[in-house]
C-alpha cells in the first residue's frame, strides 16, 4: 500500500506540473497519442499492423497488402472510439450503460454488427486464462452492480484507482462476445480523461502484455488487485512524464 500511495502522490504532482505547461492540449500531440494508443491496444489483442501501417490505414485509407480486412477495421474503429471517449469527457457526459454500449458498438462496427453494442447471450472462455467468465444470465445483474460500484465510488476513490477498478471489473465480467479488452481499456482512459489525466497506453509488446495479463489474472483468481493497481498507476506516470519531456520540463 505504501508503494501505491507513493505512486499516486507522484501522479498527482505530475498532473499539476502538466496543468502548468498546457503542452498536452496541443492537437498534434493528441493525434499522435490517439494513433499510438490504437496501435498498442489492438496489438495486445493480436492485430499485426505496425504503428506506421495503423497511421496509414486511419489517415490515408490505405489497404495494407497481406493484412486482413478485420485488422484495418479494428484500427479505424478503435481510433473513432478514442475520439468518442474524448468527446464524452470534454462534454462532461456521465459514464453509464448507454456510453458503454455505444463504445462497444464502435469497436465492433462492420466487424460483427450482430454483436456490436450488445451483451453476450452465450458462455465464453478466455484463451490462455484460468478465469472463467460469468454465465450470460448473470451479466445484466453484474452490469447493474458494476455501475452501482461506479456511482458509489467515483467521489471516494482516487481517479486512477477508480479507472483501474472499472477496467478490471469489466474485464472480469467479460460481457461481450468480443472486444472486452479494448472496451475495458477505453473505459479506463475515459475516466482518466474525465479527471484530466492523460491517456495511459498499456504497451503491446510481449513483456508488457504478459505483465498486464498476469496482473489481471491475479486480480481474478486471488482477489489481489495490488499488482494491477500499481501497473495502471505506473502506466499513467509514464504517460505524464512523456508529456512533460515533450514540454521540456
C-alpha atoms as a PDB file:
ATOM      1  CA  UNK A   1       0.000   0.000   0.000  1.00  0.00           C
ATOM      2  CA  UNK A   2       2.870   2.367   0.760  1.00  0.00           C
ATOM      3  CA  UNK A   3       4.200   1.855  -2.758  1.00  0.00           C
ATOM      4  CA  UNK A   4       0.792   2.549  -4.268  1.00  0.00           C
ATOM      5  CA  UNK A   5       0.315   5.697  -2.212  1.00  0.00           C
ATOM      6  CA  UNK A   6       3.747   6.964  -3.252  1.00  0.00           C
ATOM      7  CA  UNK A   7       2.911   6.338  -6.905  1.00  0.00           C
ATOM      8  CA  UNK A   8      -0.429   8.126  -6.592  1.00  0.00           C
ATOM      9  CA  UNK A   9       1.193  11.114  -4.886  1.00  0.00           C
ATOM     10  CA  UNK A  10       3.695  11.299  -7.739  1.00  0.00           C
ATOM     11  CA  UNK A  11       0.875  11.141 -10.316  1.00  0.00           C
ATOM     12  CA  UNK A  12      -0.949  13.993  -8.563  1.00  0.00           C
ATOM     13  CA  UNK A  13       2.228  16.088  -8.559  1.00  0.00           C
ATOM     14  CA  UNK A  14       2.845  15.474 -12.262  1.00  0.00           C
ATOM     15  CA  UNK A  15      -0.782  16.327 -13.003  1.00  0.00           C
ATOM     16  CA  UNK A  16      -0.197  19.775 -11.526  1.00  0.00           C
ATOM     17  CA  UNK A  17       3.057  20.133 -13.445  1.00  0.00           C
ATOM     18  CA  UNK A  18       1.264  19.282 -16.692  1.00  0.00           C
ATOM     19  CA  UNK A  19      -1.536  21.690 -15.932  1.00  0.00           C
ATOM     20  CA  UNK A  20       1.050  24.462 -15.811  1.00  0.00           C
ATOM     21  CA  UNK A  21       2.643  23.592 -19.176  1.00  0.00           C
ATOM     22  CA  UNK A  22      -0.514  23.462 -21.343  1.00  0.00           C
ATOM     23  CA  UNK A  23       1.548  21.337 -23.751  1.00  0.00           C
ATOM     24  CA  UNK A  24      -0.734  18.327 -23.569  1.00  0.00           C
ATOM     25  CA  UNK A  25      -3.553  20.340 -25.156  1.00  0.00           C
ATOM     26  CA  UNK A  26      -1.727  20.596 -28.449  1.00  0.00           C
ATOM     27  CA  UNK A  27      -3.580  18.954 -31.330  1.00  0.00           C
ATOM     28  CA  UNK A  28      -0.526  17.246 -32.847  1.00  0.00           C
ATOM     29  CA  UNK A  29       0.347  15.575 -29.539  1.00  0.00           C
ATOM     30  CA  UNK A  30      -3.230  14.386 -29.003  1.00  0.00           C
ATOM     31  CA  UNK A  31      -3.343  12.986 -32.531  1.00  0.00           C
ATOM     32  CA  UNK A  32      -0.062  11.081 -32.217  1.00  0.00           C
ATOM     33  CA  UNK A  33      -1.163   9.587 -28.896  1.00  0.00           C
ATOM     34  CA  UNK A  34      -4.554   8.624 -30.328  1.00  0.00           C
ATOM     35  CA  UNK A  35      -2.899   6.639 -33.131  1.00  0.00           C
ATOM     36  CA  UNK A  36      -0.290   5.103 -30.842  1.00  0.00           C
ATOM     37  CA  UNK A  37      -2.939   4.070 -28.314  1.00  0.00           C
ATOM     38  CA  UNK A  38      -4.949   2.455 -31.129  1.00  0.00           C
ATOM     39  CA  UNK A  39      -1.864   0.585 -32.318  1.00  0.00           C
ATOM     40  CA  UNK A  40      -0.906  -0.766 -28.888  1.00  0.00           C
ATOM     41  CA  UNK A  41      -4.417  -1.641 -27.701  1.00  0.00           C
ATOM     42  CA  UNK A  42      -5.077  -3.576 -30.906  1.00  0.00           C
ATOM     43  CA  UNK A  43      -1.627  -5.163 -30.734  1.00  0.00           C
ATOM     44  CA  UNK A  44      -2.474  -6.591 -27.307  1.00  0.00           C
ATOM     45  CA  UNK A  45      -5.385  -8.392 -28.956  1.00  0.00           C
ATOM     46  CA  UNK A  46      -3.259  -9.805 -31.784  1.00  0.00           C
ATOM     47  CA  UNK A  47      -3.567  -7.174 -34.508  1.00  0.00           C
ATOM     48  CA  UNK A  48      -0.410  -7.302 -36.666  1.00  0.00           C
ATOM     49  CA  UNK A  49      -0.468  -3.803 -38.197  1.00  0.00           C
ATOM     50  CA  UNK A  50       2.657  -1.796 -37.385  1.00  0.00           C
ATOM     51  CA  UNK A  51       2.399   1.692 -35.942  1.00  0.00           C
ATOM     52  CA  UNK A  52       3.131   3.210 -39.370  1.00  0.00           C
ATOM     53  CA  UNK A  53       0.594   0.918 -41.064  1.00  0.00           C
ATOM     54  CA  UNK A  54      -2.001   1.822 -38.434  1.00  0.00           C
ATOM     55  CA  UNK A  55      -1.453   5.508 -39.156  1.00  0.00           C
ATOM     56  CA  UNK A  56      -1.705   4.996 -42.918  1.00  0.00           C
ATOM     57  CA  UNK A  57      -4.920   2.990 -42.599  1.00  0.00           C
ATOM     58  CA  UNK A  58      -6.502   5.634 -40.359  1.00  0.00           C
ATOM     59  CA  UNK A  59      -5.387   8.801 -42.122  1.00  0.00           C
ATOM     60  CA  UNK A  60      -4.940   7.704 -45.737  1.00  0.00           C
ATOM     61  CA  UNK A  61      -7.371   4.807 -46.093  1.00  0.00           C
ATOM     62  CA  UNK A  62      -4.567   2.652 -47.441  1.00  0.00           C
ATOM     63  CA  UNK A  63      -5.055  -1.101 -47.666  1.00  0.00           C
ATOM     64  CA  UNK A  64      -2.006  -2.945 -46.358  1.00  0.00           C
ATOM     65  CA  UNK A  65      -1.212  -5.891 -48.592  1.00  0.00           C
ATOM     66  CA  UNK A  66      -1.310  -9.227 -46.811  1.00  0.00           C
ATOM     67  CA  UNK A  67      -3.204  -7.914 -43.787  1.00  0.00           C
ATOM     68  CA  UNK A  68      -6.850  -8.973 -43.231  1.00  0.00           C
ATOM     69  CA  UNK A  69      -9.716  -6.510 -43.602  1.00  0.00           C
ATOM     70  CA  UNK A  70     -10.653  -7.054 -39.959  1.00  0.00           C
ATOM     71  CA  UNK A  71      -7.317  -5.583 -38.839  1.00  0.00           C
ATOM     72  CA  UNK A  72      -7.932  -2.471 -40.926  1.00  0.00           C
ATOM     73  CA  UNK A  73     -11.397  -2.107 -39.419  1.00  0.00           C
ATOM     74  CA  UNK A  74     -10.008  -2.599 -35.909  1.00  0.00           C
ATOM     75  CA  UNK A  75      -7.652   0.310 -36.467  1.00  0.00           C
ATOM     76  CA  UNK A  76     -10.310   2.664 -37.808  1.00  0.00           C
ATOM     77  CA  UNK A  77     -12.875   1.624 -35.207  1.00  0.00           C
ATOM     78  CA  UNK A  78     -10.571   1.998 -32.233  1.00  0.00           C
ATOM     79  CA  UNK A  79      -9.382   5.382 -33.480  1.00  0.00           C
ATOM     80  CA  UNK A  80     -13.020   6.513 -33.649  1.00  0.00           C
ATOM     81  CA  UNK A  81     -13.656   5.064 -30.190  1.00  0.00           C
ATOM     82  CA  UNK A  82     -10.795   7.145 -28.773  1.00  0.00           C
ATOM     83  CA  UNK A  83     -12.407  10.201 -30.322  1.00  0.00           C
ATOM     84  CA  UNK A  84     -15.672   9.188 -28.684  1.00  0.00           C
ATOM     85  CA  UNK A  85     -14.211   8.978 -25.173  1.00  0.00           C
ATOM     86  CA  UNK A  86     -12.547  12.350 -25.723  1.00  0.00           C
ATOM     87  CA  UNK A  87     -15.922  13.830 -26.660  1.00  0.00           C
ATOM     88  CA  UNK A  88     -17.659  12.201 -23.677  1.00  0.00           C
ATOM     89  CA  UNK A  89     -15.009  13.565 -21.314  1.00  0.00           C
ATOM     90  CA  UNK A  90     -14.935  17.044 -22.909  1.00  0.00           C
ATOM     91  CA  UNK A  91     -18.721  17.385 -22.827  1.00  0.00           C
ATOM     92  CA  UNK A  92     -18.915  16.114 -19.243  1.00  0.00           C
ATOM     93  CA  UNK A  93     -21.264  13.262 -20.197  1.00  0.00           C
ATOM     94  CA  UNK A  94     -21.797  10.820 -17.350  1.00  0.00           C
ATOM     95  CA  UNK A  95     -20.328   7.336 -17.776  1.00  0.00           C
ATOM     96  CA  UNK A  96     -23.256   4.930 -17.834  1.00  0.00           C
ATOM     97  CA  UNK A  97     -24.624   1.834 -19.544  1.00  0.00           C
ATOM     98  CA  UNK A  98     -25.514   3.753 -22.704  1.00  0.00           C
ATOM     99  CA  UNK A  99     -21.960   5.097 -23.037  1.00  0.00           C
ATOM    100  CA  UNK A 100     -20.502   1.626 -22.511  1.00  0.00           C
ATOM    101  CA  UNK A 101     -22.713   0.072 -25.203  1.00  0.00           C
ATOM    102  CA  UNK A 102     -22.032   2.933 -27.631  1.00  0.00           C
ATOM    103  CA  UNK A 103     -18.320   2.479 -27.061  1.00  0.00           C
ATOM    104  CA  UNK A 104     -18.522  -1.243 -27.745  1.00  0.00           C
ATOM    105  CA  UNK A 105     -20.649  -0.638 -30.822  1.00  0.00           C
ATOM    106  CA  UNK A 106     -17.818   1.446 -32.275  1.00  0.00           C
ATOM    107  CA  UNK A 107     -15.248  -1.271 -31.524  1.00  0.00           C
ATOM    108  CA  UNK A 108     -17.080  -3.975 -33.492  1.00  0.00           C
ATOM    109  CA  UNK A 109     -18.624  -1.773 -36.196  1.00  0.00           C
ATOM    110  CA  UNK A 110     -18.609  -3.576 -39.581  1.00  0.00           C
ATOM    111  CA  UNK A 111     -16.644  -6.437 -37.991  1.00  0.00           C
ATOM    112  CA  UNK A 112     -19.527  -8.073 -36.119  1.00  0.00           C
ATOM    113  CA  UNK A 113     -22.583  -5.840 -36.350  1.00  0.00           C
ATOM    114  CA  UNK A 114     -24.825  -8.500 -34.824  1.00  0.00           C
ATOM    115  CA  UNK A 115     -22.975  -8.344 -31.506  1.00  0.00           C
ATOM    116  CA  UNK A 116     -21.775  -4.725 -31.601  1.00  0.00           C
ATOM    117  CA  UNK A 117     -23.141  -2.817 -28.630  1.00  0.00           C
ATOM    118  CA  UNK A 118     -24.883  -5.869 -27.163  1.00  0.00           C
ATOM    119  CA  UNK A 119     -24.148  -8.078 -24.177  1.00  0.00           C
ATOM    120  CA  UNK A 120     -23.398 -11.695 -24.960  1.00  0.00           C
ATOM    121  CA  UNK A 121     -26.056 -14.383 -24.649  1.00  0.00           C
ATOM    122  CA  UNK A 122     -23.711 -17.381 -24.725  1.00  0.00           C
ATOM    123  CA  UNK A 123     -20.962 -18.689 -22.419  1.00  0.00           C
ATOM    124  CA  UNK A 124     -17.373 -17.822 -23.360  1.00  0.00           C
ATOM    125  CA  UNK A 125     -13.867 -18.786 -22.354  1.00  0.00           C
ATOM    126  CA  UNK A 126     -10.727 -16.649 -22.390  1.00  0.00           C
ATOM    127  CA  UNK A 127      -7.865 -18.249 -24.286  1.00  0.00           C
ATOM    128  CA  UNK A 128      -4.766 -18.616 -22.116  1.00  0.00           C
ATOM    129  CA  UNK A 129      -6.566 -17.684 -18.893  1.00  0.00           C
ATOM    130  CA  UNK A 130      -7.768 -19.774 -15.964  1.00  0.00           C
ATOM    131  CA  UNK A 131     -10.506 -17.250 -15.244  1.00  0.00           C
ATOM    132  CA  UNK A 132     -13.956 -18.425 -16.294  1.00  0.00           C
ATOM    133  CA  UNK A 133     -16.232 -15.502 -17.161  1.00  0.00           C
ATOM    134  CA  UNK A 134     -19.736 -15.423 -15.662  1.00  0.00           C
ATOM    135  CA  UNK A 135     -22.629 -17.166 -17.366  1.00  0.00           C
ATOM    136  CA  UNK A 136     -24.678 -14.984 -19.733  1.00  0.00           C
ATOM    137  CA  UNK A 137     -27.733 -14.995 -17.442  1.00  0.00           C
ATOM    138  CA  UNK A 138     -25.611 -13.280 -14.767  1.00  0.00           C
ATOM    139  CA  UNK A 139     -24.467 -10.390 -16.933  1.00  0.00           C
ATOM    140  CA  UNK A 140     -27.389  -7.994 -16.501  1.00  0.00           C
ATOM    141  CA  UNK A 141     -27.113  -8.103 -12.709  1.00  0.00           C
ATOM    142  CA  UNK A 142     -23.329  -7.847 -12.811  1.00  0.00           C
ATOM    143  CA  UNK A 143     -23.502  -4.793 -15.082  1.00  0.00           C
ATOM    144  CA  UNK A 144     -26.048  -3.251 -12.717  1.00  0.00           C
ATOM    145  CA  UNK A 145     -23.627  -3.888  -9.853  1.00  0.00           C
ATOM    146  CA  UNK A 146     -20.770  -2.528 -11.980  1.00  0.00           C
ATOM    147  CA  UNK A 147     -22.445   0.844 -12.391  1.00  0.00           C
ATOM    148  CA  UNK A 148     -23.623   0.870  -8.775  1.00  0.00           C
ATOM    149  CA  UNK A 149     -19.974   0.492  -7.759  1.00  0.00           C
ATOM    150  CA  UNK A 150     -19.053   3.337 -10.085  1.00  0.00           C
ATOM    151  CA  UNK A 151     -21.720   5.689  -8.734  1.00  0.00           C
ATOM    152  CA  UNK A 152     -20.865   4.962  -5.100  1.00  0.00           C
ATOM    153  CA  UNK A 153     -17.082   5.074  -5.619  1.00  0.00           C
ATOM    154  CA  UNK A 154     -16.487   7.871  -8.137  1.00  0.00           C
ATOM    155  CA  UNK A 155     -16.185  10.524  -5.453  1.00  0.00           C
ATOM    156  CA  UNK A 156     -14.397   8.298  -2.939  1.00  0.00           C
ATOM    157  CA  UNK A 157     -11.562   6.583  -4.808  1.00  0.00           C
ATOM    158  CA  UNK A 158      -8.526   8.248  -6.322  1.00  0.00           C
ATOM    159  CA  UNK A 159      -9.377   8.725 -10.037  1.00  0.00           C
ATOM    160  CA  UNK A 160      -6.580   6.426 -11.208  1.00  0.00           C
ATOM    161  CA  UNK A 161      -7.711   3.652  -8.865  1.00  0.00           C
ATOM    162  CA  UNK A 162     -11.303   4.203 -10.000  1.00  0.00           C
ATOM    163  CA  UNK A 163     -10.142   3.883 -13.623  1.00  0.00           C
ATOM    164  CA  UNK A 164      -8.210   0.699 -12.808  1.00  0.00           C
ATOM    165  CA  UNK A 165     -11.191  -0.774 -10.957  1.00  0.00           C
ATOM    166  CA  UNK A 166     -13.630  -0.080 -13.790  1.00  0.00           C
ATOM    167  CA  UNK A 167     -11.155  -1.653 -16.214  1.00  0.00           C
ATOM    168  CA  UNK A 168     -10.582  -4.776 -14.102  1.00  0.00           C
ATOM    169  CA  UNK A 169     -14.239  -5.262 -13.199  1.00  0.00           C
ATOM    170  CA  UNK A 170     -15.403  -5.007 -16.815  1.00  0.00           C
ATOM    171  CA  UNK A 171     -12.696  -7.404 -17.993  1.00  0.00           C
ATOM    172  CA  UNK A 172     -13.743  -9.859 -15.266  1.00  0.00           C
ATOM    173  CA  UNK A 173     -17.426  -9.717 -16.230  1.00  0.00           C
ATOM    174  CA  UNK A 174     -16.385 -10.110 -19.877  1.00  0.00           C
ATOM    175  CA  UNK A 175     -19.868  -9.046 -21.012  1.00  0.00           C
ATOM    176  CA  UNK A 176     -19.276  -9.067 -24.762  1.00  0.00           C
ATOM    177  CA  UNK A 177     -18.633 -11.736 -27.364  1.00  0.00           C
ATOM    178  CA  UNK A 178     -15.537  -9.842 -28.492  1.00  0.00           C
ATOM    179  CA  UNK A 179     -13.816  -6.551 -27.779  1.00  0.00           C
ATOM    180  CA  UNK A 180     -13.801  -6.850 -23.984  1.00  0.00           C
ATOM    181  CA  UNK A 181     -10.150  -5.896 -23.567  1.00  0.00           C
ATOM    182  CA  UNK A 182     -10.390  -2.886 -25.844  1.00  0.00           C
ATOM    183  CA  UNK A 183     -13.597  -1.770 -24.133  1.00  0.00           C
ATOM    184  CA  UNK A 184     -12.065  -2.129 -20.654  1.00  0.00           C
ATOM    185  CA  UNK A 185      -9.001  -0.083 -21.606  1.00  0.00           C
ATOM    186  CA  UNK A 186     -11.164   2.585 -23.251  1.00  0.00           C
ATOM    187  CA  UNK A 187     -13.354   2.839 -20.149  1.00  0.00           C
ATOM    188  CA  UNK A 188     -10.223   3.215 -18.051  1.00  0.00           C
ATOM    189  CA  UNK A 189      -8.985   6.041 -20.251  1.00  0.00           C
ATOM    190  CA  UNK A 190     -12.379   7.720 -20.362  1.00  0.00           C
ATOM    191  CA  UNK A 191     -12.279   8.000 -16.570  1.00  0.00           C
ATOM    192  CA  UNK A 192      -8.699   9.251 -16.651  1.00  0.00           C
ATOM    193  CA  UNK A 193      -9.630  11.913 -19.208  1.00  0.00           C
ATOM    194  CA  UNK A 194     -12.626  12.978 -17.116  1.00  0.00           C
ATOM    195  CA  UNK A 195     -10.191  13.723 -14.292  1.00  0.00           C
ATOM    196  CA  UNK A 196      -7.645  15.475 -16.521  1.00  0.00           C
ATOM    197  CA  UNK A 197      -5.104  12.694 -16.568  1.00  0.00           C
ATOM    198  CA  UNK A 198      -3.617  11.794 -19.977  1.00  0.00           C
ATOM    199  CA  UNK A 199      -4.431   8.658 -21.928  1.00  0.00           C
ATOM    200  CA  UNK A 200      -2.438   5.793 -20.446  1.00  0.00           C
ATOM    201  CA  UNK A 201      -1.153   3.349 -23.054  1.00  0.00           C
ATOM    202  CA  UNK A 202      -0.544  -0.228 -21.957  1.00  0.00           C
ATOM    203  CA  UNK A 203       2.180  -1.331 -24.332  1.00  0.00           C
ATOM    204  CA  UNK A 204       1.529  -4.193 -26.737  1.00  0.00           C
ATOM    205  CA  UNK A 205       4.995  -5.790 -26.747  1.00  0.00           C
ATOM    206  CA  UNK A 206       5.307  -9.344 -25.402  1.00  0.00           C
ATOM    207  CA  UNK A 207       6.769  -8.495 -21.986  1.00  0.00           C
ATOM    208  CA  UNK A 208       4.285  -5.693 -21.277  1.00  0.00           C
ATOM    209  CA  UNK A 209       1.378  -7.828 -22.435  1.00  0.00           C
ATOM    210  CA  UNK A 210       2.419 -10.708 -20.182  1.00  0.00           C
ATOM    211  CA  UNK A 211       2.761  -8.416 -17.159  1.00  0.00           C
ATOM    212  CA  UNK A 212      -0.663  -6.916 -17.893  1.00  0.00           C
ATOM    213  CA  UNK A 213      -2.359 -10.288 -18.229  1.00  0.00           C
ATOM    214  CA  UNK A 214      -0.593 -11.637 -15.128  1.00  0.00           C
ATOM    215  CA  UNK A 215      -1.837  -8.696 -13.051  1.00  0.00           C
ATOM    216  CA  UNK A 216      -5.391  -9.190 -14.333  1.00  0.00           C
ATOM    217  CA  UNK A 217      -5.198 -12.924 -13.653  1.00  0.00           C
ATOM    218  CA  UNK A 218      -4.017 -12.278 -10.085  1.00  0.00           C
ATOM    219  CA  UNK A 219      -6.956  -9.936  -9.582  1.00  0.00           C
ATOM    220  CA  UNK A 220      -9.391 -12.564 -10.854  1.00  0.00           C
ATOM    221  CA  UNK A 221      -8.045 -15.697  -9.214  1.00  0.00           C
ATOM    222  CA  UNK A 222      -6.515 -14.409  -5.969  1.00  0.00           C
ATOM    223  CA  UNK A 223      -8.680 -11.340  -5.380  1.00  0.00           C
ATOM    224  CA  UNK A 224      -5.438  -9.370  -5.085  1.00  0.00           C
ATOM    225  CA  UNK A 225      -5.549  -6.187  -7.142  1.00  0.00           C
ATOM    226  CA  UNK A 226      -2.340  -4.636  -5.841  1.00  0.00           C
ATOM    227  CA  UNK A 227      -0.230  -5.540  -8.879  1.00  0.00           C
ATOM    228  CA  UNK A 228      -2.898  -4.337 -11.278  1.00  0.00           C
ATOM    229  CA  UNK A 229      -3.402  -1.042  -9.454  1.00  0.00           C
ATOM    230  CA  UNK A 230       0.338  -0.392  -9.415  1.00  0.00           C
ATOM    231  CA  UNK A 231       0.658  -1.299 -13.097  1.00  0.00           C
ATOM    232  CA  UNK A 232      -2.045   1.185 -14.078  1.00  0.00           C
ATOM    233  CA  UNK A 233      -0.608   3.989 -11.938  1.00  0.00           C
ATOM    234  CA  UNK A 234       2.849   3.352 -13.396  1.00  0.00           C
ATOM    235  CA  UNK A 235       1.346   3.468 -16.895  1.00  0.00           C
ATOM    236  CA  UNK A 236      -0.246   6.835 -16.109  1.00  0.00           C
ATOM    237  CA  UNK A 237       3.068   8.098 -14.694  1.00  0.00           C
ATOM    238  CA  UNK A 238       4.860   7.071 -17.890  1.00  0.00           C
ATOM    239  CA  UNK A 239       2.281   8.982 -19.957  1.00  0.00           C
ATOM    240  CA  UNK A 240       2.647  12.059 -17.764  1.00  0.00           C
ATOM    241  CA  UNK A 241       6.426  12.015 -17.828  1.00  0.00           C
ATOM    242  CA  UNK A 242       6.447  11.638 -21.593  1.00  0.00           C
ATOM    243  CA  UNK A 243       4.286  14.743 -21.976  1.00  0.00           C
ATOM    244  CA  UNK A 244       6.486  16.697 -19.606  1.00  0.00           C
ATOM    245  CA  UNK A 245       9.561  15.641 -21.560  1.00  0.00           C
ATOM    246  CA  UNK A 246       7.900  16.893 -24.747  1.00  0.00           C
ATOM    247  CA  UNK A 247       7.300  20.201 -22.998  1.00  0.00           C
ATOM    248  CA  UNK A 248      10.952  20.376 -21.986  1.00  0.00           C
ATOM    249  CA  UNK A 249      10.155  20.229 -18.276  1.00  0.00           C
END
